[in-house]
Amino acid sequence: MLTPHQTRYTRDKRQTVVRDWITRVFGLRTLNLRFRAERVLEEALELAQAAGYPQEKIAALTAKVYANPPGEVGQEAGGLGLSLLAFCDTAQISADECEEREIMRVLSKSTAHFKARIERKIADGVCSEDLLEEAA
């Protein structure tokens, strides 16, 4: 069993690998908090969809969240991490294995694949080009 320090190092190392990959593939323009938040939101919605969460409840949940004052980024990131751990436990899957497998999957694909993908997302309106311009 890993100690908390070893677990943190492992995750911190993966975080560095992901940041380096993002910078290499998409450039510094995508290292913007609002743009990264949009990517997290898209993944959260895809996870909710995969789990059978009804689309018609999303607008009400969004309104409820935005009716409150904004939280602190670090605390909210921690809450997201805790929620993901609880979700994975409920789904009887390893969050650690899922994260590691996804990193390996994206690292195995070509830079051209992801550059084309982000351009498609921009064209489809799933990726906010204005946030990319803001980060440039």
C-alpha atoms as a PDB file:
ATOM      1  CA  MET A   1       0.000   0.000   0.000  1.00  0.00           C
ATOM      2  CA  LEU A   2       1.281   3.459  -0.884  1.00  0.00           C
ATOM      3  CA  THR A   3       1.761   6.104   1.755  1.00  0.00           C
ATOM      4  CA  PRO A   4      -0.069   9.424   1.291  1.00  0.00           C
ATOM      5  CA  HIS A   5       3.244  11.020   0.243  1.00  0.00           C
ATOM      6  CA  GLN A   6       3.848   8.373  -2.433  1.00  0.00           C
ATOM      7  CA  THR A   7       0.294   8.738  -3.716  1.00  0.00           C
ATOM      8  CA  ARG A   8       0.683  12.510  -3.956  1.00  0.00           C
ATOM      9  CA  TYR A   9       3.986  12.183  -5.777  1.00  0.00           C
ATOM     10  CA  THR A  10       2.466   9.739  -8.241  1.00  0.00           C
ATOM     11  CA  ARG A  11      -0.427  12.054  -9.000  1.00  0.00           C
ATOM     12  CA  ASP A  12       1.797  15.157  -9.068  1.00  0.00           C
ATOM     13  CA  LYS A  13       4.071  13.383 -11.553  1.00  0.00           C
ATOM     14  CA  ARG A  14       1.088  12.494 -13.765  1.00  0.00           C
ATOM     15  CA  GLN A  15      -0.088  16.103 -13.541  1.00  0.00           C
ATOM     16  CA  THR A  16       3.311  17.244 -14.843  1.00  0.00           C
ATOM     17  CA  VAL A  17       3.187  14.681 -17.664  1.00  0.00           C
ATOM     18  CA  VAL A  18      -0.278  15.935 -18.654  1.00  0.00           C
ATOM     19  CA  ARG A  19       0.762  19.613 -18.518  1.00  0.00           C
ATOM     20  CA  ASP A  20       3.807  18.859 -20.699  1.00  0.00           C
ATOM     21  CA  TRP A  21       1.612  16.935 -23.158  1.00  0.00           C
ATOM     22  CA  ILE A  22      -0.987  19.742 -23.319  1.00  0.00           C
ATOM     23  CA  THR A  23       1.719  22.344 -23.896  1.00  0.00           C
ATOM     24  CA  ARG A  24       3.414  20.251 -26.593  1.00  0.00           C
ATOM     25  CA  VAL A  25       0.186  19.391 -28.429  1.00  0.00           C
ATOM     26  CA  PHE A  26      -1.942  22.530 -28.005  1.00  0.00           C
ATOM     27  CA  GLY A  27       0.522  25.203 -26.938  1.00  0.00           C
ATOM     28  CA  LEU A  28       0.438  27.607 -24.034  1.00  0.00           C
ATOM     29  CA  ARG A  29      -2.847  29.059 -25.276  1.00  0.00           C
ATOM     30  CA  THR A  30      -4.741  26.222 -23.579  1.00  0.00           C
ATOM     31  CA  LEU A  31      -3.156  26.752 -20.144  1.00  0.00           C
ATOM     32  CA  ASN A  32      -5.925  29.116 -19.103  1.00  0.00           C
ATOM     33  CA  LEU A  33      -8.137  28.437 -16.070  1.00  0.00           C
ATOM     34  CA  ARG A  34     -11.386  29.216 -17.872  1.00  0.00           C
ATOM     35  CA  PHE A  35     -10.437  27.036 -20.843  1.00  0.00           C
ATOM     36  CA  ARG A  36      -9.317  24.175 -18.569  1.00  0.00           C
ATOM     37  CA  ALA A  37     -12.603  24.556 -16.618  1.00  0.00           C
ATOM     38  CA  GLU A  38     -14.502  24.155 -19.891  1.00  0.00           C
ATOM     39  CA  ARG A  39     -12.625  20.942 -20.619  1.00  0.00           C
ATOM     40  CA  VAL A  40     -13.400  19.644 -17.095  1.00  0.00           C
ATOM     41  CA  LEU A  41     -17.068  20.564 -17.549  1.00  0.00           C
ATOM     42  CA  GLU A  42     -17.235  18.715 -20.866  1.00  0.00           C
ATOM     43  CA  GLU A  43     -15.718  15.589 -19.292  1.00  0.00           C
ATOM     44  CA  ALA A  44     -18.061  15.857 -16.279  1.00  0.00           C
ATOM     45  CA  LEU A  45     -21.066  16.072 -18.601  1.00  0.00           C
ATOM     46  CA  GLU A  46     -19.824  13.062 -20.575  1.00  0.00           C
ATOM     47  CA  LEU A  47     -19.407  11.136 -17.318  1.00  0.00           C
ATOM     48  CA  ALA A  48     -22.900  12.139 -16.166  1.00  0.00           C
ATOM     49  CA  GLN A  49     -24.299  11.041 -19.535  1.00  0.00           C
ATOM     50  CA  ALA A  50     -22.448   7.706 -19.319  1.00  0.00           C
ATOM     51  CA  ALA A  51     -23.911   7.171 -15.835  1.00  0.00           C
ATOM     52  CA  GLY A  52     -27.445   7.874 -17.047  1.00  0.00           C
ATOM     53  CA  TYR A  53     -27.883  11.332 -15.500  1.00  0.00           C
ATOM     54  CA  PRO A  54     -30.871  12.998 -17.225  1.00  0.00           C
ATOM     55  CA  GLN A  55     -30.018  15.931 -19.480  1.00  0.00           C
ATOM     56  CA  GLU A  56     -33.156  17.807 -18.441  1.00  0.00           C
ATOM     57  CA  LYS A  57     -31.767  18.206 -14.890  1.00  0.00           C
ATOM     58  CA  ILE A  58     -28.542  19.914 -16.006  1.00  0.00           C
ATOM     59  CA  ALA A  59     -29.982  23.430 -16.434  1.00  0.00           C
ATOM     60  CA  ALA A  60     -31.552  23.399 -12.939  1.00  0.00           C
ATOM     61  CA  LEU A  61     -28.335  22.150 -11.355  1.00  0.00           C
ATOM     62  CA  THR A  62     -26.344  24.806 -13.218  1.00  0.00           C
ATOM     63  CA  ALA A  63     -28.728  27.541 -12.040  1.00  0.00           C
ATOM     64  CA  LYS A  64     -28.450  26.303  -8.454  1.00  0.00           C
ATOM     65  CA  VAL A  65     -24.642  26.333  -8.532  1.00  0.00           C
ATOM     66  CA  TYR A  66     -24.430  29.784 -10.129  1.00  0.00           C
ATOM     67  CA  ALA A  67     -26.954  31.212  -7.635  1.00  0.00           C
ATOM     68  CA  ASN A  68     -24.238  30.865  -4.975  1.00  0.00           C
ATOM     69  CA  PRO A  69     -21.066  32.937  -4.715  1.00  0.00           C
ATOM     70  CA  PRO A  70     -18.059  31.352  -6.437  1.00  0.00           C
ATOM     71  CA  GLY A  71     -15.903  29.078  -4.326  1.00  0.00           C
ATOM     72  CA  GLU A  72     -12.122  28.966  -4.068  1.00  0.00           C
ATOM     73  CA  VAL A  73     -10.463  27.108  -6.952  1.00  0.00           C
ATOM     74  CA  GLY A  74      -8.312  24.846  -4.762  1.00  0.00           C
ATOM     75  CA  GLN A  75     -11.207  23.783  -2.561  1.00  0.00           C
ATOM     76  CA  GLU A  76     -13.507  23.184  -5.526  1.00  0.00           C
ATOM     77  CA  ALA A  77     -10.791  21.133  -7.285  1.00  0.00           C
ATOM     78  CA  GLY A  78     -10.479  19.074  -4.114  1.00  0.00           C
ATOM     79  CA  GLY A  79     -14.241  18.600  -4.020  1.00  0.00           C
ATOM     80  CA  LEU A  80     -14.205  17.480  -7.638  1.00  0.00           C
ATOM     81  CA  GLY A  81     -11.440  14.992  -6.841  1.00  0.00           C
ATOM     82  CA  LEU A  82     -13.317  13.642  -3.803  1.00  0.00           C
ATOM     83  CA  SER A  83     -16.537  13.355  -5.792  1.00  0.00           C
ATOM     84  CA  LEU A  84     -14.722  11.467  -8.551  1.00  0.00           C
ATOM     85  CA  LEU A  85     -13.217   9.054  -6.006  1.00  0.00           C
ATOM     86  CA  ALA A  86     -16.658   8.415  -4.495  1.00  0.00           C
ATOM     87  CA  PHE A  87     -18.176   8.008  -7.976  1.00  0.00           C
ATOM     88  CA  CYS A  88     -15.519   5.480  -8.986  1.00  0.00           C
ATOM     89  CA  ASP A  89     -15.954   3.554  -5.749  1.00  0.00           C
ATOM     90  CA  THR A  90     -19.717   3.395  -6.320  1.00  0.00           C
ATOM     91  CA  ALA A  91     -19.112   2.264  -9.910  1.00  0.00           C
ATOM     92  CA  GLN A  92     -16.626  -0.322  -8.581  1.00  0.00           C
ATOM     93  CA  ILE A  93     -13.784   0.986 -10.729  1.00  0.00           C
ATOM     94  CA  SER A  94     -10.356   2.291  -9.731  1.00  0.00           C
ATOM     95  CA  ALA A  95     -10.037   6.050 -10.196  1.00  0.00           C
ATOM     96  CA  ASP A  96      -6.270   5.629 -10.246  1.00  0.00           C
ATOM     97  CA  GLU A  97      -6.386   2.975 -12.963  1.00  0.00           C
ATOM     98  CA  CYS A  98      -8.892   4.982 -15.026  1.00  0.00           C
ATOM     99  CA  GLU A  99      -6.714   8.080 -14.832  1.00  0.00           C
ATOM    100  CA  GLU A 100      -3.529   6.208 -15.680  1.00  0.00           C
ATOM    101  CA  ARG A 101      -5.188   4.328 -18.558  1.00  0.00           C
ATOM    102  CA  GLU A 102      -6.544   7.577 -20.030  1.00  0.00           C
ATOM    103  CA  ILE A 103      -3.132   9.238 -19.846  1.00  0.00           C
ATOM    104  CA  MET A 104      -1.562   6.279 -21.636  1.00  0.00           C
ATOM    105  CA  ARG A 105      -4.333   6.343 -24.255  1.00  0.00           C
ATOM    106  CA  VAL A 106      -3.852  10.011 -25.113  1.00  0.00           C
ATOM    107  CA  LEU A 107      -0.063   9.739 -25.082  1.00  0.00           C
ATOM    108  CA  SER A 108      -0.297   6.897 -27.622  1.00  0.00           C
ATOM    109  CA  LYS A 109      -2.092   9.087 -30.188  1.00  0.00           C
ATOM    110  CA  SER A 110      -0.435  11.487 -32.602  1.00  0.00           C
ATOM    111  CA  THR A 111      -0.237  15.220 -32.059  1.00  0.00           C
ATOM    112  CA  ALA A 112      -2.060  15.636 -35.385  1.00  0.00           C
ATOM    113  CA  HIS A 113      -5.009  13.611 -34.032  1.00  0.00           C
ATOM    114  CA  PHE A 114      -5.541  16.004 -31.133  1.00  0.00           C
ATOM    115  CA  LYS A 115      -4.899  19.164 -33.145  1.00  0.00           C
ATOM    116  CA  ALA A 116      -7.601  18.063 -35.598  1.00  0.00           C
ATOM    117  CA  ARG A 117      -9.880  17.157 -32.696  1.00  0.00           C
ATOM    118  CA  ILE A 118      -9.632  20.565 -31.036  1.00  0.00           C
ATOM    119  CA  GLU A 119     -10.334  22.259 -34.376  1.00  0.00           C
ATOM    120  CA  ARG A 120     -13.471  20.073 -34.745  1.00  0.00           C
ATOM    121  CA  LYS A 121     -14.540  20.993 -31.211  1.00  0.00           C
ATOM    122  CA  ILE A 122     -14.088  24.682 -31.996  1.00  0.00           C
ATOM    123  CA  ALA A 123     -16.109  24.291 -35.212  1.00  0.00           C
ATOM    124  CA  ASP A 124     -18.850  22.398 -33.325  1.00  0.00           C
ATOM    125  CA  GLY A 125     -18.971  25.049 -30.584  1.00  0.00           C
ATOM    126  CA  VAL A 126     -17.898  22.566 -27.907  1.00  0.00           C
ATOM    127  CA  CYS A 127     -14.617  24.359 -27.373  1.00  0.00           C
ATOM    128  CA  SER A 128     -14.694  28.120 -26.842  1.00  0.00           C
ATOM    129  CA  GLU A 129     -12.213  29.709 -29.211  1.00  0.00           C
ATOM    130  CA  ASP A 130     -12.555  33.009 -27.332  1.00  0.00           C
ATOM    131  CA  LEU A 131     -11.000  31.331 -24.288  1.00  0.00           C
ATOM    132  CA  LEU A 132      -8.070  30.204 -26.429  1.00  0.00           C
ATOM    133  CA  GLU A 133      -7.579  33.736 -27.707  1.00  0.00           C
ATOM    134  CA  GLU A 134      -7.762  35.029 -24.142  1.00  0.00           C
ATOM    135  CA  ALA A 135      -4.999  32.603 -23.109  1.00  0.00           C
ATOM    136  CA  ALA A 136      -2.693  33.472 -26.001  1.00  0.00           C
END
